[in-house]
N, C-alpha and C. Protein backbone atom coordinates (compact mmCIF):
# COMPACT_ATOMS: atom_id res chain seq x y z
N UNK A 1 1.55 222.55 55.94
CA UNK A 1 0.51 223.03 55.06
C UNK A 1 -0.21 224.17 55.76
N UNK A 2 -0.21 225.31 55.11
CA UNK A 2 -0.99 226.43 55.62
C UNK A 2 -2.45 226.14 55.32
N UNK A 3 -3.32 226.40 56.25
CA UNK A 3 -4.74 226.12 56.05
C UNK A 3 -5.41 227.21 55.23
N UNK A 4 -5.08 228.45 55.49
CA UNK A 4 -5.75 229.56 54.81
C UNK A 4 -4.90 230.03 53.63
N UNK A 5 -5.19 229.47 52.47
CA UNK A 5 -4.48 229.84 51.25
C UNK A 5 -5.51 230.27 50.21
N UNK A 6 -5.08 231.10 49.26
CA UNK A 6 -6.00 231.49 48.20
C UNK A 6 -6.23 230.33 47.23
N UNK A 7 -7.31 230.37 46.53
CA UNK A 7 -7.71 229.40 45.51
C UNK A 7 -8.11 228.06 46.12
N UNK A 8 -7.19 227.40 46.82
CA UNK A 8 -7.47 226.11 47.43
C UNK A 8 -6.97 226.16 48.87
N UNK A 9 -7.86 225.90 49.85
CA UNK A 9 -7.38 225.94 51.24
C UNK A 9 -6.59 224.67 51.55
N UNK A 10 -5.97 224.65 52.69
CA UNK A 10 -5.10 223.54 53.06
C UNK A 10 -5.81 222.20 53.15
N UNK A 11 -7.07 222.22 53.57
CA UNK A 11 -7.84 220.98 53.65
C UNK A 11 -8.05 220.40 52.26
N UNK A 12 -8.45 221.26 51.32
CA UNK A 12 -8.64 220.81 49.93
C UNK A 12 -7.33 220.32 49.33
N UNK A 13 -6.25 221.04 49.61
CA UNK A 13 -4.94 220.66 49.08
C UNK A 13 -4.53 219.29 49.63
N UNK A 14 -4.74 219.06 50.91
CA UNK A 14 -4.39 217.77 51.51
C UNK A 14 -5.21 216.64 50.88
N UNK A 15 -6.50 216.88 50.69
CA UNK A 15 -7.33 215.85 50.05
C UNK A 15 -6.85 215.58 48.62
N UNK A 16 -6.46 216.63 47.90
CA UNK A 16 -5.96 216.46 46.53
C UNK A 16 -4.65 215.68 46.52
N UNK A 17 -3.78 215.94 47.48
CA UNK A 17 -2.50 215.22 47.57
C UNK A 17 -2.75 213.75 47.87
N UNK A 18 -3.72 213.47 48.70
CA UNK A 18 -4.01 212.09 49.09
C UNK A 18 -4.75 211.32 47.99
N UNK A 19 -5.30 212.01 47.00
CA UNK A 19 -6.14 211.39 45.99
C UNK A 19 -5.42 210.62 44.89
N UNK A 20 -4.19 210.93 44.50
CA UNK A 20 -3.58 210.25 43.35
C UNK A 20 -3.51 208.73 43.55
N UNK A 21 -3.59 208.01 42.43
CA UNK A 21 -3.50 206.55 42.55
C UNK A 21 -2.09 206.05 42.89
N UNK A 22 -1.07 206.88 42.68
CA UNK A 22 0.30 206.49 43.00
C UNK A 22 0.53 206.67 44.50
N UNK A 23 0.62 205.57 45.22
CA UNK A 23 0.74 205.63 46.68
C UNK A 23 1.99 206.37 47.15
N UNK A 24 3.05 206.37 46.34
CA UNK A 24 4.28 207.09 46.73
C UNK A 24 3.99 208.58 46.82
N UNK A 25 3.13 209.08 45.95
CA UNK A 25 2.80 210.50 45.97
C UNK A 25 1.76 210.82 47.03
N UNK A 26 0.84 209.93 47.24
CA UNK A 26 -0.25 210.21 48.18
C UNK A 26 0.14 209.94 49.63
N UNK A 27 1.34 209.44 49.86
CA UNK A 27 1.76 209.09 51.22
C UNK A 27 2.74 210.10 51.83
N UNK A 28 2.96 211.24 51.17
CA UNK A 28 3.90 212.22 51.73
C UNK A 28 3.34 212.81 53.01
N UNK A 29 4.19 213.13 53.97
CA UNK A 29 3.70 213.72 55.22
C UNK A 29 3.13 215.12 55.00
N UNK A 30 2.00 215.37 55.63
CA UNK A 30 1.37 216.69 55.59
C UNK A 30 1.08 217.09 57.03
N UNK A 31 1.60 218.25 57.42
CA UNK A 31 1.39 218.77 58.77
C UNK A 31 0.71 220.12 58.65
N UNK A 32 -0.44 220.27 59.28
CA UNK A 32 -1.15 221.54 59.29
C UNK A 32 -0.41 222.53 60.17
N UNK A 33 -0.26 223.75 59.70
CA UNK A 33 0.30 224.84 60.51
C UNK A 33 -0.67 226.00 60.40
N UNK A 34 -1.35 226.27 61.50
CA UNK A 34 -2.42 227.26 61.46
C UNK A 34 -2.67 227.85 62.85
N UNK A 35 -3.23 229.03 62.86
CA UNK A 35 -3.63 229.64 64.13
C UNK A 35 -4.93 229.03 64.64
N UNK A 36 -5.62 228.28 63.78
CA UNK A 36 -6.85 227.60 64.18
C UNK A 36 -6.46 226.38 65.01
N UNK A 37 -6.58 226.50 66.32
CA UNK A 37 -6.00 225.47 67.19
C UNK A 37 -7.01 224.79 68.11
N UNK A 38 -8.29 224.91 67.79
CA UNK A 38 -9.29 224.22 68.61
C UNK A 38 -9.32 222.74 68.25
N UNK A 39 -9.90 221.93 69.10
CA UNK A 39 -9.96 220.48 68.88
C UNK A 39 -10.63 220.16 67.54
N UNK A 40 -11.66 220.91 67.18
CA UNK A 40 -12.34 220.65 65.90
C UNK A 40 -11.43 220.97 64.70
N UNK A 41 -10.50 221.92 64.87
CA UNK A 41 -9.55 222.24 63.81
C UNK A 41 -8.55 221.09 63.62
N UNK A 42 -8.10 220.53 64.72
CA UNK A 42 -7.19 219.38 64.66
C UNK A 42 -7.90 218.21 63.99
N UNK A 43 -9.15 217.97 64.36
CA UNK A 43 -9.93 216.88 63.76
C UNK A 43 -10.14 217.11 62.27
N UNK A 44 -10.44 218.33 61.90
CA UNK A 44 -10.65 218.66 60.49
C UNK A 44 -9.38 218.40 59.67
N UNK A 45 -8.22 218.74 60.24
CA UNK A 45 -6.96 218.48 59.56
C UNK A 45 -6.74 216.98 59.39
N UNK A 46 -6.96 216.22 60.43
CA UNK A 46 -6.80 214.76 60.36
C UNK A 46 -7.79 214.15 59.37
N UNK A 47 -9.04 214.63 59.39
CA UNK A 47 -10.06 214.13 58.47
C UNK A 47 -9.71 214.43 57.01
N UNK A 48 -8.98 215.51 56.78
CA UNK A 48 -8.56 215.88 55.42
C UNK A 48 -7.37 215.06 54.96
N UNK A 49 -6.78 214.27 55.86
CA UNK A 49 -5.67 213.42 55.49
C UNK A 49 -4.31 213.91 55.98
N UNK A 50 -4.31 214.93 56.81
CA UNK A 50 -3.03 215.43 57.33
C UNK A 50 -2.55 214.52 58.46
N UNK A 51 -1.24 214.44 58.59
CA UNK A 51 -0.65 213.56 59.60
C UNK A 51 -0.63 214.18 60.99
N UNK A 52 -0.57 215.50 61.05
CA UNK A 52 -0.46 216.17 62.34
C UNK A 52 -0.92 217.62 62.20
N UNK A 53 -0.96 218.31 63.33
CA UNK A 53 -1.42 219.70 63.41
C UNK A 53 -0.51 220.44 64.36
N UNK A 54 0.03 221.57 63.90
CA UNK A 54 0.86 222.42 64.76
C UNK A 54 0.23 223.81 64.77
N UNK A 55 -0.02 224.32 65.97
CA UNK A 55 -0.66 225.63 66.10
C UNK A 55 0.37 226.75 65.97
N UNK A 56 -0.08 227.85 65.39
CA UNK A 56 0.72 229.08 65.32
C UNK A 56 0.32 229.96 66.50
N UNK A 57 1.19 230.76 67.07
CA UNK A 57 2.60 230.82 66.72
C UNK A 57 3.29 229.50 67.05
N UNK A 58 4.22 229.15 66.20
CA UNK A 58 4.88 227.84 66.30
C UNK A 58 5.81 227.79 67.50
N UNK A 59 5.64 226.75 68.29
CA UNK A 59 6.56 226.43 69.38
C UNK A 59 7.59 225.48 68.78
N UNK A 60 8.83 225.90 68.68
CA UNK A 60 9.86 225.13 68.00
C UNK A 60 10.02 223.74 68.62
N UNK A 61 9.94 223.63 69.92
CA UNK A 61 10.09 222.32 70.56
C UNK A 61 8.97 221.36 70.12
N UNK A 62 7.75 221.87 70.05
CA UNK A 62 6.63 221.05 69.59
C UNK A 62 6.81 220.69 68.12
N UNK A 63 7.24 221.65 67.31
CA UNK A 63 7.45 221.39 65.89
C UNK A 63 8.49 220.29 65.68
N UNK A 64 9.61 220.36 66.41
CA UNK A 64 10.66 219.35 66.29
C UNK A 64 10.12 217.99 66.72
N UNK A 65 9.36 217.94 67.80
CA UNK A 65 8.78 216.70 68.28
C UNK A 65 7.86 216.08 67.23
N UNK A 66 6.99 216.89 66.65
CA UNK A 66 6.06 216.40 65.63
C UNK A 66 6.82 215.92 64.39
N UNK A 67 7.80 216.69 63.97
CA UNK A 67 8.60 216.28 62.80
C UNK A 67 9.31 214.96 63.04
N UNK A 68 9.85 214.78 64.23
CA UNK A 68 10.52 213.51 64.56
C UNK A 68 9.52 212.35 64.52
N UNK A 69 8.32 212.58 65.05
CA UNK A 69 7.29 211.53 65.06
C UNK A 69 6.88 211.17 63.65
N UNK A 70 6.76 212.15 62.78
CA UNK A 70 6.28 211.92 61.43
C UNK A 70 7.38 211.35 60.54
N UNK A 71 8.59 211.86 60.67
CA UNK A 71 9.65 211.52 59.72
C UNK A 71 10.55 210.36 60.16
N UNK A 72 10.54 210.04 61.44
CA UNK A 72 11.46 208.99 61.92
C UNK A 72 10.76 207.68 62.18
């Protein structure tokens, strides 16, 4: 999930995804991908309902590790 998007930012989008009453829809993995990489940015992503946070520029090894943790 990109954090800086027009109309609805990534935090709002994550909260909207988590809101539906159908748990199958609200339980999909959401990973923040953003240049905002301070500890408060990671916390904000988690507080919005995201499963993880990956800083840009993306380190492929970190991305693969996070994807394995979330999807496996």
